Amino acid sequence: MTKIIAILGKSGSGKSTVADKLKEMGIPPVQSHTTRPKRNENDTHHVFLSEEEFDAINNPIAETIYGGYRYCGLLTGDAECYSYVIDEVGLKMLKAQKLFDATSVLVLAPTEDRKMRTSEARFERDKDYKYGCMFDSIILNHRDMAHLEGQIKTLKGKICEK
């Protein structure tokens, strides 16, 4: 069964960084598609689509609306393990299908760090969000990159190499 490391967290917590580090370690990301506009030229974690293009997608592994924009994920390739930055609605859909061995990982970062890393609007939107599910694992993004990479490497070993 295909394994998916489902990465969740508030804006600015480091979800994309975790996914990027997993990619460097050989774990490809689920290809995310969205109707939201690019935030900047370096915004490469999604395929940006019009509403009509999004409507034409067949068989997404999960789908959600977040911040007023539609998101979904598509598997590309035939890897045994993928990472996927996702929200709780998408995670519930992913797990309900029972087609994947999905492990949820919450990325936590100090409030001040998150505030510096994201826009004021995104920070305010997520500020009081309370999670409604339990997570299989937690990554604390509160020290330096070496510490974060160590946690990611341990996580990868537990999930993708078991």
Protein backbone atom coordinates (compact mmCIF):
# COMPACT_ATOMS: atom_id res chain seq x y z
CA MET A 1 0.00 0.00 0.00
CA THR A 2 1.33 3.46 -0.88
CA LYS A 3 2.42 5.42 2.19
CA ILE A 4 1.68 9.13 2.54
CA ILE A 5 3.20 11.46 5.11
CA ALA A 6 0.36 13.97 5.54
CA ILE A 7 1.89 17.26 6.75
CA LEU A 8 -0.36 19.69 8.63
CA GLY A 9 0.25 22.93 10.50
CA LYS A 10 -0.62 26.58 10.67
CA SER A 11 0.69 29.10 8.13
CA GLY A 12 4.38 29.73 8.63
CA SER A 13 4.95 26.60 10.71
CA GLY A 14 7.30 25.02 8.17
CA LYS A 15 5.09 22.52 6.31
CA SER A 16 6.65 23.29 2.92
CA THR A 17 10.13 23.14 4.43
CA VAL A 18 9.39 19.67 5.81
CA ALA A 19 8.08 18.56 2.39
CA ASP A 20 11.17 20.03 0.67
CA LYS A 21 13.51 18.21 3.08
CA LEU A 22 11.65 14.94 2.53
CA LYS A 23 12.02 15.47 -1.23
CA GLU A 24 15.78 15.93 -0.75
CA MET A 25 15.71 12.60 1.14
CA GLY A 26 14.02 10.85 -1.79
CA ILE A 27 10.34 11.17 -0.78
CA PRO A 28 8.44 12.90 -3.61
CA PRO A 29 5.51 15.21 -2.87
CA VAL A 30 1.92 14.57 -3.90
CA GLN A 31 1.31 17.08 -6.67
CA SER A 32 -0.99 19.74 -5.23
CA HIS A 33 -3.34 21.68 -7.51
CA THR A 34 -5.12 24.87 -6.48
CA THR A 35 -7.25 27.72 -7.70
CA ARG A 36 -5.43 30.26 -5.52
CA PRO A 37 -3.03 32.72 -7.15
CA LYS A 38 0.72 32.42 -6.74
CA ARG A 39 2.02 34.30 -3.72
CA ASN A 40 5.36 34.98 -5.42
CA GLU A 41 7.57 33.69 -8.22
CA ASN A 42 9.15 31.08 -5.91
CA ASP A 43 5.75 29.56 -5.14
CA THR A 44 6.35 26.16 -6.74
CA HIS A 45 4.55 23.78 -4.38
CA HIS A 46 1.33 23.81 -6.42
CA VAL A 47 0.01 23.69 -9.94
CA PHE A 48 -2.09 26.86 -10.29
CA LEU A 49 -5.34 26.38 -12.18
CA SER A 50 -8.46 28.25 -13.20
CA GLU A 51 -11.80 27.06 -11.79
CA GLU A 52 -12.55 25.39 -15.14
CA GLU A 53 -9.20 23.57 -15.19
CA PHE A 54 -9.73 22.45 -11.59
CA ASP A 55 -13.21 21.12 -12.48
CA ALA A 56 -11.62 18.92 -15.17
CA ILE A 57 -9.38 17.02 -12.69
CA ASN A 58 -10.24 13.35 -12.35
CA ASN A 59 -9.65 11.15 -9.31
CA PRO A 60 -7.93 13.43 -6.81
CA ILE A 61 -6.69 11.59 -3.72
CA ALA A 62 -8.04 14.40 -1.51
CA GLU A 63 -9.85 17.67 -2.02
CA THR A 64 -10.58 20.68 0.19
CA ILE A 65 -11.36 24.38 0.25
CA TYR A 66 -9.02 26.48 2.35
CA GLY A 67 -8.91 30.26 2.57
CA GLY A 68 -11.62 30.38 -0.08
CA TYR A 69 -9.54 28.46 -2.65
CA ARG A 70 -9.87 24.89 -3.88
CA TYR A 71 -7.04 22.39 -3.43
CA CYS A 72 -6.57 18.76 -4.42
CA GLY A 73 -3.76 16.26 -4.73
CA LEU A 74 -2.80 13.91 -7.54
CA LEU A 75 -0.28 11.10 -7.39
CA THR A 76 2.36 11.16 -10.09
CA GLY A 77 4.82 8.34 -10.48
CA ASP A 78 4.92 5.05 -8.63
CA ALA A 79 6.82 5.78 -5.42
CA GLU A 80 6.16 3.70 -2.31
CA CYS A 81 6.06 6.79 -0.07
CA TYR A 82 4.99 10.41 -0.68
CA SER A 83 4.68 13.61 1.35
CA TYR A 84 1.56 15.73 1.15
CA VAL A 85 0.93 19.18 2.65
CA ILE A 86 -2.76 19.00 3.48
CA ASP A 87 -5.42 20.32 5.86
CA GLU A 88 -7.70 18.37 8.20
CA VAL A 89 -10.58 18.13 5.72
CA GLY A 90 -8.27 16.68 3.08
CA LEU A 91 -6.70 14.34 5.64
CA LYS A 92 -10.11 12.94 6.60
CA MET A 93 -10.92 12.34 2.93
CA LEU A 94 -7.55 10.71 2.35
CA LYS A 95 -7.96 8.35 5.32
CA ALA A 96 -11.61 7.54 4.56
CA GLN A 97 -10.68 6.12 1.15
CA LYS A 98 -8.47 3.46 2.79
CA LEU A 99 -6.37 3.36 -0.39
CA PHE A 100 -3.26 4.70 1.31
CA ASP A 101 -1.31 4.19 4.52
CA ALA A 102 -1.57 7.84 5.63
CA THR A 103 0.40 9.07 8.63
CA SER A 104 -0.47 12.54 9.93
CA VAL A 105 2.32 14.84 11.07
CA LEU A 106 1.68 18.17 12.77
CA VAL A 107 4.39 20.82 12.34
CA LEU A 108 4.54 23.25 15.25
CA ALA A 109 6.54 26.49 15.41
CA PRO A 110 6.65 29.36 17.89
CA THR A 111 4.06 32.06 17.26
CA GLU A 112 6.69 34.76 16.66
CA ASP A 113 8.49 32.59 14.08
CA ARG A 114 5.23 31.91 12.24
CA LYS A 115 4.35 35.60 12.30
CA MET A 116 7.67 36.46 10.61
CA ARG A 117 7.35 33.72 7.96
CA THR A 118 3.84 34.41 6.65
CA SER A 119 1.58 37.28 5.70
CA GLU A 120 -0.41 39.10 8.35
CA ALA A 121 -3.69 37.96 6.75
CA ARG A 122 -2.67 34.27 6.76
CA PHE A 123 -1.32 34.54 10.30
CA GLU A 124 -4.57 36.10 11.54
CA ARG A 125 -6.68 33.52 9.69
CA ASP A 126 -4.85 30.66 11.44
CA LYS A 127 -4.20 32.35 14.80
CA ASP A 128 -7.07 30.81 16.75
CA TYR A 129 -7.46 27.60 14.74
CA LYS A 130 -7.98 24.54 16.94
CA TYR A 131 -7.23 21.11 15.53
CA GLY A 132 -10.05 18.60 15.63
CA CYS A 133 -8.05 15.43 15.18
CA MET A 134 -5.22 13.52 16.78
CA PHE A 135 -1.89 13.34 14.98
CA ASP A 136 0.37 10.34 14.54
CA SER A 137 3.51 12.43 14.99
CA ILE A 138 4.63 15.98 15.78
CA ILE A 139 7.62 17.89 14.44
CA LEU A 140 8.82 20.84 16.51
CA ASN A 141 10.23 23.52 14.22
CA HIS A 142 11.70 25.68 16.97
CA ARG A 143 15.46 25.40 16.86
CA ASP A 144 17.80 25.28 13.91
CA MET A 145 17.70 23.56 10.55
CA ALA A 146 19.96 20.70 11.68
CA HIS A 147 17.54 19.86 14.49
CA LEU A 148 14.58 20.01 12.09
CA GLU A 149 16.36 17.79 9.56
CA GLY A 150 17.11 15.25 12.29
CA GLN A 151 13.43 15.03 13.20
CA ILE A 152 12.46 14.66 9.53
CA LYS A 153 15.03 11.92 8.97
CA THR A 154 13.71 10.02 12.01
CA LEU A 155 10.13 10.44 10.77
CA LYS A 156 11.06 9.20 7.29
CA GLY A 157 12.70 6.13 8.80
CA LYS A 158 9.65 5.29 10.92
CA ILE A 159 7.13 5.73 8.12
CA CYS A 160 8.75 5.02 4.78
CA GLU A 161 11.32 2.43 5.75
CA LYS A 162 9.16 0.16 7.91
